[in-house]
Amino acid sequence: MNWFHKLMLVLILFIAMLSFMVWRSSKAKLDLVTDNYYEEELKYQDRIEHTANNDDLQEQVNIEKLEDNLIISFPDNISIQEVSGKVNLYFAANKANDKSFDLLLDQNHKQRIDIDNRSGNYTIQISWQYQNKTYFTEKKIFL
């Protein structure tokens, strides 16, 4: 085999590898953060204000993992009857693993969420209202 055949073999293998990589990357599943990305982006200033409201609290909302449960603890000085909102478990790698819950606090100002079948990097997002003011709490956690 002379140098011309070797060069052609290298070029053919290179083109085949590139073609395979293009084909493989075209099959990759890409999820946006949300289906309504542009509308959510326009509302981002509201989220900044709601996060600032949360930062102004004397006691912060605490989010922790305890065995197979996610424990969300609210400050004791907040009346649980006046609290409403949503808890979102956001999984960036796959939209199918996202989950949303209503915020339902018990008498101890806590909510337990079962996370037995979940694993990976999640972002816990809590959007909640108290006394006509909206708050936003977010924490990244590995389950």
N, C-alpha and C. Protein backbone atom coordinates (compact mmCIF):
# COMPACT_ATOMS: atom_id res chain seq x y z
N MET A 1 0.85 -1.17 0.00
CA MET A 1 0.00 0.00 0.00
C MET A 1 0.91 1.24 0.00
N ASN A 2 0.70 2.10 -0.97
CA ASN A 2 1.53 3.30 -1.06
C ASN A 2 0.92 4.44 -0.24
N TRP A 3 1.61 5.59 -0.22
CA TRP A 3 1.19 6.71 0.63
C TRP A 3 -0.16 7.29 0.22
N PHE A 4 -0.51 7.24 -1.08
CA PHE A 4 -1.79 7.76 -1.55
C PHE A 4 -2.95 6.93 -0.98
N HIS A 5 -2.83 5.62 -0.97
CA HIS A 5 -3.89 4.75 -0.43
C HIS A 5 -4.04 4.96 1.09
N LYS A 6 -2.92 5.13 1.75
CA LYS A 6 -2.98 5.38 3.20
C LYS A 6 -3.67 6.71 3.49
N LEU A 7 -3.36 7.73 2.72
CA LEU A 7 -4.00 9.03 2.89
C LEU A 7 -5.50 8.95 2.62
N MET A 8 -5.90 8.25 1.57
CA MET A 8 -7.33 8.08 1.26
C MET A 8 -8.04 7.31 2.37
N LEU A 9 -7.41 6.29 2.91
CA LEU A 9 -8.00 5.51 4.00
C LEU A 9 -8.22 6.40 5.23
N VAL A 10 -7.24 7.23 5.57
CA VAL A 10 -7.38 8.15 6.71
C VAL A 10 -8.50 9.15 6.46
N LEU A 11 -8.58 9.71 5.26
CA LEU A 11 -9.65 10.66 4.93
C LEU A 11 -11.03 10.01 4.99
N ILE A 12 -11.15 8.81 4.47
CA ILE A 12 -12.44 8.09 4.50
C ILE A 12 -12.85 7.79 5.94
N LEU A 13 -11.90 7.35 6.78
CA LEU A 13 -12.21 7.08 8.18
C LEU A 13 -12.60 8.37 8.91
N PHE A 14 -11.92 9.47 8.61
CA PHE A 14 -12.25 10.75 9.22
C PHE A 14 -13.65 11.21 8.84
N ILE A 15 -14.00 11.09 7.56
CA ILE A 15 -15.34 11.49 7.10
C ILE A 15 -16.40 10.58 7.71
N ALA A 16 -16.12 9.29 7.82
CA ALA A 16 -17.07 8.36 8.44
C ALA A 16 -17.28 8.70 9.91
N MET A 17 -16.21 9.04 10.62
CA MET A 17 -16.32 9.41 12.03
C MET A 17 -17.13 10.70 12.18
N LEU A 18 -16.86 11.69 11.34
CA LEU A 18 -17.62 12.93 11.39
C LEU A 18 -19.10 12.71 11.09
N SER A 19 -19.38 11.88 10.09
CA SER A 19 -20.77 11.57 9.73
C SER A 19 -21.48 10.88 10.89
N PHE A 20 -20.80 9.96 11.55
CA PHE A 20 -21.38 9.27 12.70
C PHE A 20 -21.67 10.26 13.83
N MET A 21 -20.75 11.18 14.11
CA MET A 21 -20.95 12.15 15.19
C MET A 21 -22.10 13.10 14.88
N VAL A 22 -22.25 13.51 13.63
CA VAL A 22 -23.37 14.37 13.24
C VAL A 22 -24.67 13.63 13.40
N TRP A 23 -24.72 12.38 12.96
CA TRP A 23 -25.93 11.57 13.09
C TRP A 23 -26.27 11.37 14.56
N ARG A 24 -25.27 11.05 15.37
CA ARG A 24 -25.49 10.79 16.80
C ARG A 24 -25.98 12.05 17.52
N SER A 25 -25.40 13.19 17.22
CA SER A 25 -25.80 14.43 17.89
C SER A 25 -27.19 14.88 17.46
N SER A 26 -27.60 14.55 16.24
CA SER A 26 -28.96 14.92 15.80
C SER A 26 -30.02 14.10 16.52
N LYS A 27 -29.67 12.97 17.09
CA LYS A 27 -30.61 12.12 17.83
C LYS A 27 -30.69 12.47 19.31
N ALA A 28 -29.82 13.35 19.80
CA ALA A 28 -29.81 13.72 21.22
C ALA A 28 -31.06 14.52 21.57
N LYS A 29 -31.66 14.18 22.71
CA LYS A 29 -32.87 14.86 23.16
C LYS A 29 -32.47 16.11 23.93
N LEU A 30 -33.02 17.25 23.54
CA LEU A 30 -32.75 18.52 24.21
C LEU A 30 -34.06 19.11 24.71
N ASP A 31 -34.16 19.27 26.04
CA ASP A 31 -35.34 19.89 26.63
C ASP A 31 -35.01 21.32 27.00
N LEU A 32 -35.95 22.22 26.72
CA LEU A 32 -35.81 23.59 27.22
C LEU A 32 -36.16 23.58 28.70
N VAL A 33 -35.79 24.63 29.41
CA VAL A 33 -36.11 24.74 30.82
C VAL A 33 -37.62 24.68 31.02
N THR A 34 -38.35 25.31 30.14
CA THR A 34 -39.80 25.32 30.20
C THR A 34 -40.34 25.41 28.78
N ASP A 35 -41.57 24.95 28.57
CA ASP A 35 -42.17 25.03 27.24
C ASP A 35 -42.41 26.48 26.82
N ASN A 36 -42.76 27.32 27.78
CA ASN A 36 -43.04 28.74 27.52
C ASN A 36 -41.83 29.58 27.92
N TYR A 37 -40.71 29.28 27.34
CA TYR A 37 -39.46 29.91 27.75
C TYR A 37 -39.49 31.43 27.65
N TYR A 38 -39.98 31.95 26.54
CA TYR A 38 -39.94 33.40 26.32
C TYR A 38 -40.90 34.14 27.25
N GLU A 39 -42.08 33.58 27.51
CA GLU A 39 -42.99 34.22 28.47
C GLU A 39 -42.41 34.21 29.88
N GLU A 40 -41.76 33.09 30.23
CA GLU A 40 -41.14 33.00 31.55
C GLU A 40 -40.00 34.00 31.69
N GLU A 41 -39.25 34.21 30.63
CA GLU A 41 -38.14 35.16 30.66
C GLU A 41 -38.65 36.58 30.89
N LEU A 42 -39.79 36.92 30.32
CA LEU A 42 -40.37 38.25 30.53
C LEU A 42 -40.82 38.45 31.98
N LYS A 43 -41.17 37.36 32.66
CA LYS A 43 -41.60 37.45 34.05
C LYS A 43 -40.44 37.34 35.04
N TYR A 44 -39.22 37.29 34.53
CA TYR A 44 -38.07 37.06 35.40
C TYR A 44 -37.86 38.18 36.42
N GLN A 45 -38.20 39.42 36.07
CA GLN A 45 -38.07 40.53 37.01
C GLN A 45 -38.95 40.30 38.24
N ASP A 46 -40.14 39.72 38.03
CA ASP A 46 -41.00 39.40 39.17
C ASP A 46 -40.30 38.41 40.10
N ARG A 47 -39.63 37.41 39.51
CA ARG A 47 -38.94 36.41 40.32
C ARG A 47 -37.81 37.06 41.13
N ILE A 48 -37.13 38.03 40.53
CA ILE A 48 -36.06 38.74 41.26
C ILE A 48 -36.65 39.47 42.46
N GLU A 49 -37.78 40.13 42.27
CA GLU A 49 -38.44 40.84 43.36
C GLU A 49 -38.92 39.87 44.44
N HIS A 50 -39.47 38.72 44.03
CA HIS A 50 -39.96 37.73 44.99
C HIS A 50 -38.80 37.12 45.78
N THR A 51 -37.66 36.94 45.13
CA THR A 51 -36.47 36.45 45.82
C THR A 51 -35.97 37.49 46.82
N ALA A 52 -36.04 38.75 46.46
CA ALA A 52 -35.65 39.82 47.38
C ALA A 52 -36.58 39.85 48.60
N ASN A 53 -37.88 39.61 48.38
CA ASN A 53 -38.81 39.51 49.51
C ASN A 53 -38.40 38.39 50.44
N ASN A 54 -38.00 37.26 49.85
CA ASN A 54 -37.57 36.11 50.65
C ASN A 54 -36.31 36.44 51.44
N ASP A 55 -35.38 37.16 50.82
CA ASP A 55 -34.14 37.52 51.50
C ASP A 55 -34.37 38.49 52.65
N ASP A 56 -35.47 39.24 52.62
CA ASP A 56 -35.78 40.19 53.68
C ASP A 56 -36.37 39.54 54.93
N LEU A 57 -36.74 38.26 54.84
CA LEU A 57 -37.31 37.56 56.00
C LEU A 57 -36.26 37.40 57.09
N GLN A 58 -36.70 37.48 58.35
CA GLN A 58 -35.78 37.28 59.46
C GLN A 58 -35.31 35.83 59.51
N GLU A 59 -36.23 34.89 59.32
CA GLU A 59 -35.91 33.47 59.26
C GLU A 59 -36.21 32.97 57.85
N GLN A 60 -35.30 32.22 57.29
CA GLN A 60 -35.46 31.72 55.92
C GLN A 60 -36.19 30.38 55.92
N VAL A 61 -36.76 30.06 54.78
CA VAL A 61 -37.33 28.73 54.57
C VAL A 61 -36.17 27.76 54.45
N ASN A 62 -36.26 26.64 55.16
CA ASN A 62 -35.19 25.66 55.18
C ASN A 62 -35.61 24.43 54.38
N ILE A 63 -34.73 23.97 53.49
CA ILE A 63 -35.00 22.78 52.68
C ILE A 63 -33.88 21.79 52.95
N GLU A 64 -34.25 20.58 53.39
CA GLU A 64 -33.23 19.57 53.66
C GLU A 64 -33.72 18.18 53.28
N LYS A 65 -32.77 17.32 52.99
CA LYS A 65 -33.06 15.93 52.65
C LYS A 65 -32.86 15.09 53.91
N LEU A 66 -33.87 14.30 54.24
CA LEU A 66 -33.80 13.43 55.40
C LEU A 66 -34.30 12.06 54.98
N GLU A 67 -33.37 11.11 54.82
CA GLU A 67 -33.65 9.76 54.35
C GLU A 67 -34.37 9.82 53.00
N ASP A 68 -35.60 9.32 52.92
CA ASP A 68 -36.35 9.30 51.66
C ASP A 68 -37.36 10.43 51.57
N ASN A 69 -37.15 11.48 52.35
CA ASN A 69 -38.07 12.62 52.37
C ASN A 69 -37.31 13.92 52.17
N LEU A 70 -38.00 14.85 51.58
CA LEU A 70 -37.53 16.22 51.47
C LEU A 70 -38.35 17.01 52.48
N ILE A 71 -37.69 17.70 53.42
CA ILE A 71 -38.38 18.43 54.47
C ILE A 71 -38.25 19.92 54.17
N ILE A 72 -39.39 20.58 54.05
CA ILE A 72 -39.44 22.03 53.85
C ILE A 72 -39.97 22.64 55.14
N SER A 73 -39.15 23.45 55.79
CA SER A 73 -39.51 24.04 57.08
C SER A 73 -39.67 25.55 56.93
N PHE A 74 -40.82 26.05 57.36
CA PHE A 74 -41.10 27.48 57.33
C PHE A 74 -40.87 28.06 58.72
N PRO A 75 -40.60 29.36 58.80
CA PRO A 75 -40.38 30.01 60.11
C PRO A 75 -41.61 29.87 61.01
N ASP A 76 -41.36 29.77 62.31
CA ASP A 76 -42.45 29.59 63.28
C ASP A 76 -43.33 30.82 63.43
N ASN A 77 -42.83 31.99 63.06
CA ASN A 77 -43.62 33.21 63.24
C ASN A 77 -44.61 33.45 62.10
N ILE A 78 -44.70 32.52 61.16
CA ILE A 78 -45.64 32.63 60.03
C ILE A 78 -46.87 31.79 60.32
N SER A 79 -48.04 32.37 60.11
CA SER A 79 -49.30 31.65 60.31
C SER A 79 -49.52 30.71 59.12
N ILE A 80 -49.62 29.41 59.38
CA ILE A 80 -49.71 28.44 58.29
C ILE A 80 -51.04 28.55 57.53
N GLN A 81 -52.06 29.13 58.16
CA GLN A 81 -53.35 29.29 57.47
C GLN A 81 -53.26 30.34 56.36
N GLU A 82 -52.31 31.26 56.46
CA GLU A 82 -52.18 32.33 55.47
C GLU A 82 -51.16 32.03 54.38
N VAL A 83 -50.54 30.86 54.43
CA VAL A 83 -49.50 30.50 53.45
C VAL A 83 -50.12 29.63 52.36
N SER A 84 -49.83 30.00 51.12
CA SER A 84 -50.23 29.17 49.98
C SER A 84 -49.13 29.23 48.94
N GLY A 85 -49.09 28.24 48.08
CA GLY A 85 -48.07 28.27 47.04
C GLY A 85 -47.83 26.92 46.41
N LYS A 86 -46.74 26.83 45.67
CA LYS A 86 -46.37 25.63 44.93
C LYS A 86 -44.92 25.28 45.21
N VAL A 87 -44.63 23.98 45.19
CA VAL A 87 -43.27 23.46 45.29
C VAL A 87 -42.99 22.73 43.99
N ASN A 88 -41.91 23.10 43.31
CA ASN A 88 -41.52 22.45 42.07
C ASN A 88 -40.19 21.74 42.26
N LEU A 89 -40.14 20.48 41.87
CA LEU A 89 -38.88 19.75 41.80
C LEU A 89 -38.48 19.77 40.34
N TYR A 90 -37.44 20.52 40.02
CA TYR A 90 -37.00 20.70 38.64
C TYR A 90 -35.74 19.88 38.40
N PHE A 91 -35.82 18.98 37.41
CA PHE A 91 -34.69 18.13 37.03
C PHE A 91 -34.25 18.55 35.64
N ALA A 92 -33.10 19.20 35.55
CA ALA A 92 -32.64 19.80 34.29
C ALA A 92 -32.38 18.78 33.19
N ALA A 93 -31.96 17.59 33.55
CA ALA A 93 -31.57 16.61 32.54
C ALA A 93 -32.75 15.99 31.81
N ASN A 94 -33.94 15.95 32.44
CA ASN A 94 -35.08 15.29 31.82
C ASN A 94 -36.38 15.89 32.35
N LYS A 95 -37.13 16.49 31.46
CA LYS A 95 -38.38 17.15 31.84
C LYS A 95 -39.40 16.18 32.45
N ALA A 96 -39.31 14.91 32.08
CA ALA A 96 -40.26 13.91 32.59
C ALA A 96 -40.10 13.69 34.10
N ASN A 97 -38.95 14.04 34.67
CA ASN A 97 -38.72 13.86 36.10
C ASN A 97 -39.16 15.06 36.94
N ASP A 98 -39.60 16.13 36.29
CA ASP A 98 -40.10 17.30 37.03
C ASP A 98 -41.39 16.93 37.76
N LYS A 99 -41.60 17.52 38.93
CA LYS A 99 -42.80 17.26 39.70
C LYS A 99 -43.21 18.54 40.41
N SER A 100 -44.51 18.76 40.52
CA SER A 100 -45.03 19.95 41.18
C SER A 100 -46.01 19.53 42.28
N PHE A 101 -45.95 20.21 43.42
CA PHE A 101 -46.81 19.92 44.57
C PHE A 101 -47.41 21.22 45.08
N ASP A 102 -48.61 21.13 45.64
CA ASP A 102 -49.17 22.27 46.36
C ASP A 102 -48.48 22.37 47.71
N LEU A 103 -48.33 23.58 48.20
CA LEU A 103 -47.70 23.81 49.49
C LEU A 103 -48.73 23.58 50.58
N LEU A 104 -48.55 22.52 51.36
CA LEU A 104 -49.46 22.16 52.44
C LEU A 104 -48.65 21.93 53.71
N LEU A 105 -48.64 22.92 54.59
CA LEU A 105 -47.84 22.84 55.81
C LEU A 105 -48.61 22.16 56.92
N ASP A 106 -47.90 21.36 57.74
CA ASP A 106 -48.54 20.75 58.91
C ASP A 106 -48.44 21.71 60.10
N GLN A 107 -48.84 21.25 61.27
CA GLN A 107 -48.86 22.11 62.46
C GLN A 107 -47.46 22.53 62.90
N ASN A 108 -46.44 21.81 62.45
CA ASN A 108 -45.05 22.13 62.80
C ASN A 108 -44.39 23.04 61.77
N HIS A 109 -45.19 23.63 60.88
CA HIS A 109 -44.70 24.52 59.82
C HIS A 109 -43.79 23.78 58.84
N LYS A 110 -44.08 22.51 58.59
CA LYS A 110 -43.24 21.70 57.71
C LYS A 110 -44.09 20.99 56.66
N GLN A 111 -43.43 20.65 55.57
CA GLN A 111 -44.05 19.81 54.56
C GLN A 111 -43.04 18.72 54.20
N ARG A 112 -43.52 17.49 54.16
CA ARG A 112 -42.68 16.36 53.77
C ARG A 112 -43.07 15.93 52.36
N ILE A 113 -42.04 15.74 51.54
CA ILE A 113 -42.26 15.27 50.17
C ILE A 113 -41.47 13.98 49.99
N ASP A 114 -42.14 12.92 49.56
CA ASP A 114 -41.50 11.63 49.35
C ASP A 114 -40.62 11.69 48.10
N ILE A 115 -39.35 11.38 48.26
CA ILE A 115 -38.41 11.41 47.13
C ILE A 115 -37.75 10.04 46.94
N ASP A 116 -38.46 8.98 47.33
CA ASP A 116 -37.90 7.63 47.33
C ASP A 116 -37.40 7.19 45.95
N ASN A 117 -38.14 7.48 44.89
CA ASN A 117 -37.78 7.00 43.55
C ASN A 117 -37.04 8.04 42.72
N ARG A 118 -36.51 9.07 43.33
CA ARG A 118 -35.83 10.13 42.60
C ARG A 118 -34.33 10.14 42.93
N SER A 119 -33.54 10.42 41.91
CA SER A 119 -32.11 10.58 42.14
C SER A 119 -31.55 11.54 41.09
N GLY A 120 -30.51 12.25 41.47
CA GLY A 120 -29.89 13.20 40.56
C GLY A 120 -29.90 14.60 41.14
N ASN A 121 -29.44 15.55 40.33
CA ASN A 121 -29.39 16.96 40.74
C ASN A 121 -30.74 17.62 40.48
N TYR A 122 -31.39 18.04 41.52
CA TYR A 122 -32.68 18.72 41.43
C TYR A 122 -32.54 20.14 41.93
N THR A 123 -33.40 21.01 41.42
CA THR A 123 -33.55 22.35 41.95
C THR A 123 -34.94 22.43 42.56
N ILE A 124 -34.99 22.75 43.84
CA ILE A 124 -36.26 22.89 44.55
C ILE A 124 -36.66 24.35 44.47
N GLN A 125 -37.82 24.61 43.88
CA GLN A 125 -38.32 25.97 43.71
C GLN A 125 -39.65 26.09 44.45
N ILE A 126 -39.72 27.03 45.38
CA ILE A 126 -40.94 27.26 46.15
C ILE A 126 -41.40 28.68 45.89
N SER A 127 -42.56 28.80 45.28
CA SER A 127 -43.19 30.10 45.07
C SER A 127 -44.38 30.15 46.03
N TRP A 128 -44.35 31.08 46.97
CA TRP A 128 -45.39 31.10 47.99
C TRP A 128 -45.84 32.52 48.33
N GLN A 129 -47.08 32.59 48.83
CA GLN A 129 -47.69 33.87 49.17
C GLN A 129 -48.01 33.87 50.67
N TYR A 130 -47.79 35.03 51.28
CA TYR A 130 -48.11 35.22 52.69
C TYR A 130 -48.45 36.68 52.89
N GLN A 131 -49.65 36.94 53.41
CA GLN A 131 -50.13 38.30 53.67
C GLN A 131 -49.98 39.20 52.44
N ASN A 132 -50.52 38.76 51.33
CA ASN A 132 -50.54 39.51 50.07
C ASN A 132 -49.15 39.86 49.53
N LYS A 133 -48.17 39.10 49.89
CA LYS A 133 -46.81 39.30 49.40
C LYS A 133 -46.31 37.96 48.86
N THR A 134 -45.63 38.01 47.73
CA THR A 134 -45.15 36.78 47.10
C THR A 134 -43.66 36.62 47.36
N TYR A 135 -43.27 35.38 47.65
CA TYR A 135 -41.88 35.04 47.96
C TYR A 135 -41.43 33.91 47.03
N PHE A 136 -40.13 33.83 46.80
CA PHE A 136 -39.58 32.75 45.97
C PHE A 136 -38.31 32.23 46.64
N THR A 137 -38.30 30.93 46.88
CA THR A 137 -37.16 30.26 47.51
C THR A 137 -36.67 29.19 46.55
N GLU A 138 -35.34 29.08 46.40
CA GLU A 138 -34.78 28.10 45.49
C GLU A 138 -33.52 27.50 46.10
N LYS A 139 -33.38 26.18 45.94
CA LYS A 139 -32.19 25.50 46.44
C LYS A 139 -31.86 24.32 45.55
N LYS A 140 -30.58 24.16 45.23
CA LYS A 140 -30.13 23.01 44.46
C LYS A 140 -29.76 21.92 45.45
N ILE A 141 -30.18 20.69 45.13
CA ILE A 141 -29.94 19.57 46.04
C ILE A 141 -29.74 18.30 45.23
N PHE A 142 -28.88 17.43 45.72
CA PHE A 142 -28.65 16.13 45.07
C PHE A 142 -29.42 15.08 45.82
N LEU A 143 -30.33 14.41 45.12
CA LEU A 143 -31.15 13.36 45.74
C LEU A 143 -30.60 11.99 45.40
